[in-house]
Amino acid sequence: MDNKNLVDDAAIIDYVKSTNLKGKISFENYGFIWDLGSLSLIFICNSGEMQIEYCKRKNKLISIGHLHVDNEDVIDMINEINREDKMVKITTTFLGSTFEIVDKDSKRKKSWFLFRSYYSC
């Protein structure tokens, strides 16, 4: 394994603290919460990876799903979400959900079987 590509949790937290991100950031003892208005991303530090839980934001947090991202890819993912020309697309079914970062001008598809939500701040 190539150790020069390893990124620790503290480096990610330091990056988030030093970067101007859209939405609101709050830091917790387990990581941080990125509030994008109607969607919140909860970044939970694990050894070598981040668990990212995505939640709807109404009166309280309602979990939609989660994903695991290697620490080496978390900063790139944060930068993609933070771009003005990008938005988060979440597709949910009775089996689970998918999380994607798409262009804001991409066509919003409708389906009888899937529930798609688009979030941008």
Protein backbone atom coordinates (compact mmCIF):
# COMPACT_ATOMS: atom_id res chain seq x y z
CA MET A 1 0.00 0.00 0.00
CA ASP A 2 1.23 3.47 -0.89
CA ASN A 3 1.26 5.48 2.35
CA LYS A 4 1.63 8.89 0.67
CA ASN A 5 -2.02 8.70 -0.49
CA LEU A 6 -3.40 8.08 3.00
CA VAL A 7 -5.53 10.91 4.39
CA ASP A 8 -6.46 10.85 8.06
CA ASP A 9 -9.69 12.07 9.61
CA ALA A 10 -8.01 15.15 11.13
CA ALA A 11 -6.79 16.30 7.70
CA ILE A 12 -10.34 16.13 6.35
CA ILE A 13 -11.71 18.08 9.33
CA ASP A 14 -8.95 20.71 8.91
CA TYR A 15 -9.78 21.00 5.21
CA VAL A 16 -13.48 21.52 5.93
CA LYS A 17 -12.68 24.15 8.58
CA SER A 18 -10.45 26.08 6.16
CA THR A 19 -12.75 25.92 3.10
CA ASN A 20 -15.71 28.14 2.30
CA LEU A 21 -18.53 25.63 1.72
CA LYS A 22 -22.09 26.37 0.68
CA GLY A 23 -24.64 25.62 3.35
CA LYS A 24 -23.79 25.38 7.03
CA ILE A 25 -21.19 23.20 8.78
CA SER A 26 -21.33 22.09 12.41
CA PHE A 27 -18.62 20.01 14.03
CA GLU A 28 -19.37 17.12 16.35
CA ASN A 29 -17.13 14.73 18.27
CA TYR A 30 -17.65 12.03 15.59
CA GLY A 31 -17.09 14.27 12.53
CA PHE A 32 -19.26 17.02 11.08
CA ILE A 33 -22.70 17.80 9.67
CA TRP A 34 -23.06 19.64 6.36
CA ASP A 35 -26.51 21.23 6.18
CA LEU A 36 -27.50 22.00 2.59
CA GLY A 37 -30.97 23.28 3.38
CA SER A 38 -33.44 20.44 2.85
CA LEU A 39 -30.62 17.84 2.93
CA SER A 40 -28.04 17.17 5.61
CA LEU A 41 -24.89 15.13 5.10
CA ILE A 42 -23.49 13.63 8.29
CA PHE A 43 -19.80 12.72 7.96
CA ILE A 44 -18.81 10.12 10.55
CA CYS A 45 -15.08 9.43 10.97
CA ASN A 46 -14.03 5.79 10.78
CA SER A 47 -10.60 4.29 10.43
CA GLY A 48 -9.54 4.99 6.83
CA GLU A 49 -13.01 5.88 5.57
CA MET A 50 -15.92 8.21 6.19
CA GLN A 51 -19.48 7.02 6.60
CA ILE A 52 -21.75 9.64 5.09
CA GLU A 53 -25.36 9.51 6.16
CA TYR A 54 -27.78 11.59 4.11
CA CYS A 55 -30.92 12.87 5.78
CA LYS A 56 -33.96 14.91 4.85
CA ARG A 57 -34.24 18.08 6.82
CA LYS A 58 -37.73 19.02 7.95
CA ASN A 59 -38.49 19.46 11.65
CA LYS A 60 -35.96 16.76 12.44
CA LEU A 61 -33.48 14.58 10.59
CA ILE A 62 -35.04 11.70 8.67
CA SER A 63 -32.41 9.25 7.42
CA ILE A 64 -32.58 8.34 3.74
CA GLY A 65 -29.46 6.18 3.56
CA HIS A 66 -25.70 6.15 3.85
CA LEU A 67 -22.54 5.40 1.92
CA HIS A 68 -18.91 4.69 2.73
CA VAL A 69 -16.16 6.74 1.10
CA ASP A 70 -12.42 6.16 1.44
CA ASN A 71 -10.66 9.08 3.13
CA GLU A 72 -8.59 9.66 -0.03
CA ASP A 73 -11.80 10.44 -1.95
CA VAL A 74 -13.71 12.50 0.64
CA ILE A 75 -12.14 15.88 -0.15
CA ASP A 76 -12.78 15.41 -3.89
CA MET A 77 -16.39 14.51 -3.10
CA ILE A 78 -16.80 17.60 -0.89
CA ASN A 79 -15.40 19.78 -3.68
CA GLU A 80 -17.80 18.26 -6.23
CA ILE A 81 -20.84 18.84 -4.00
CA ASN A 82 -19.66 22.39 -3.30
CA ARG A 83 -19.47 23.36 -7.00
CA GLU A 84 -22.16 25.82 -8.08
CA ASP A 85 -22.96 23.78 -11.21
CA LYS A 86 -23.56 20.52 -9.27
CA MET A 87 -26.40 19.10 -7.18
CA VAL A 88 -27.01 15.94 -5.20
CA LYS A 89 -29.44 13.39 -6.64
CA ILE A 90 -30.84 10.71 -4.33
CA THR A 91 -32.89 7.84 -5.73
CA THR A 92 -34.84 5.73 -3.28
CA THR A 93 -36.65 2.44 -3.71
CA PHE A 94 -38.04 -0.12 -1.31
CA LEU A 95 -34.62 -1.86 -1.47
CA GLY A 96 -32.49 1.14 -0.55
CA SER A 97 -31.10 4.33 -2.03
CA THR A 98 -28.37 5.69 -4.29
CA PHE A 99 -26.41 8.92 -3.92
CA GLU A 100 -25.07 10.78 -6.96
CA ILE A 101 -23.57 14.16 -7.74
CA VAL A 102 -24.95 15.45 -11.06
CA ASP A 103 -24.92 18.63 -13.15
CA LYS A 104 -27.62 21.15 -12.25
CA ASP A 105 -28.69 21.38 -15.88
CA SER A 106 -29.10 17.59 -16.29
CA LYS A 107 -32.57 16.37 -17.18
CA ARG A 108 -34.65 15.44 -14.14
CA LYS A 109 -36.13 12.03 -14.85
CA LYS A 110 -39.45 10.80 -13.55
CA SER A 111 -40.33 7.20 -12.80
CA TRP A 112 -43.30 5.20 -11.51
CA PHE A 113 -41.07 2.94 -9.38
CA LEU A 114 -38.28 5.22 -8.18
CA PHE A 115 -38.42 8.32 -6.03
CA ARG A 116 -35.76 10.83 -7.07
CA SER A 117 -34.91 13.96 -5.11
CA TYR A 118 -32.56 16.72 -6.20
CA TYR A 119 -30.83 18.91 -3.62
CA SER A 120 -28.83 22.05 -4.13
CA CYS A 121 -27.96 24.91 -1.83
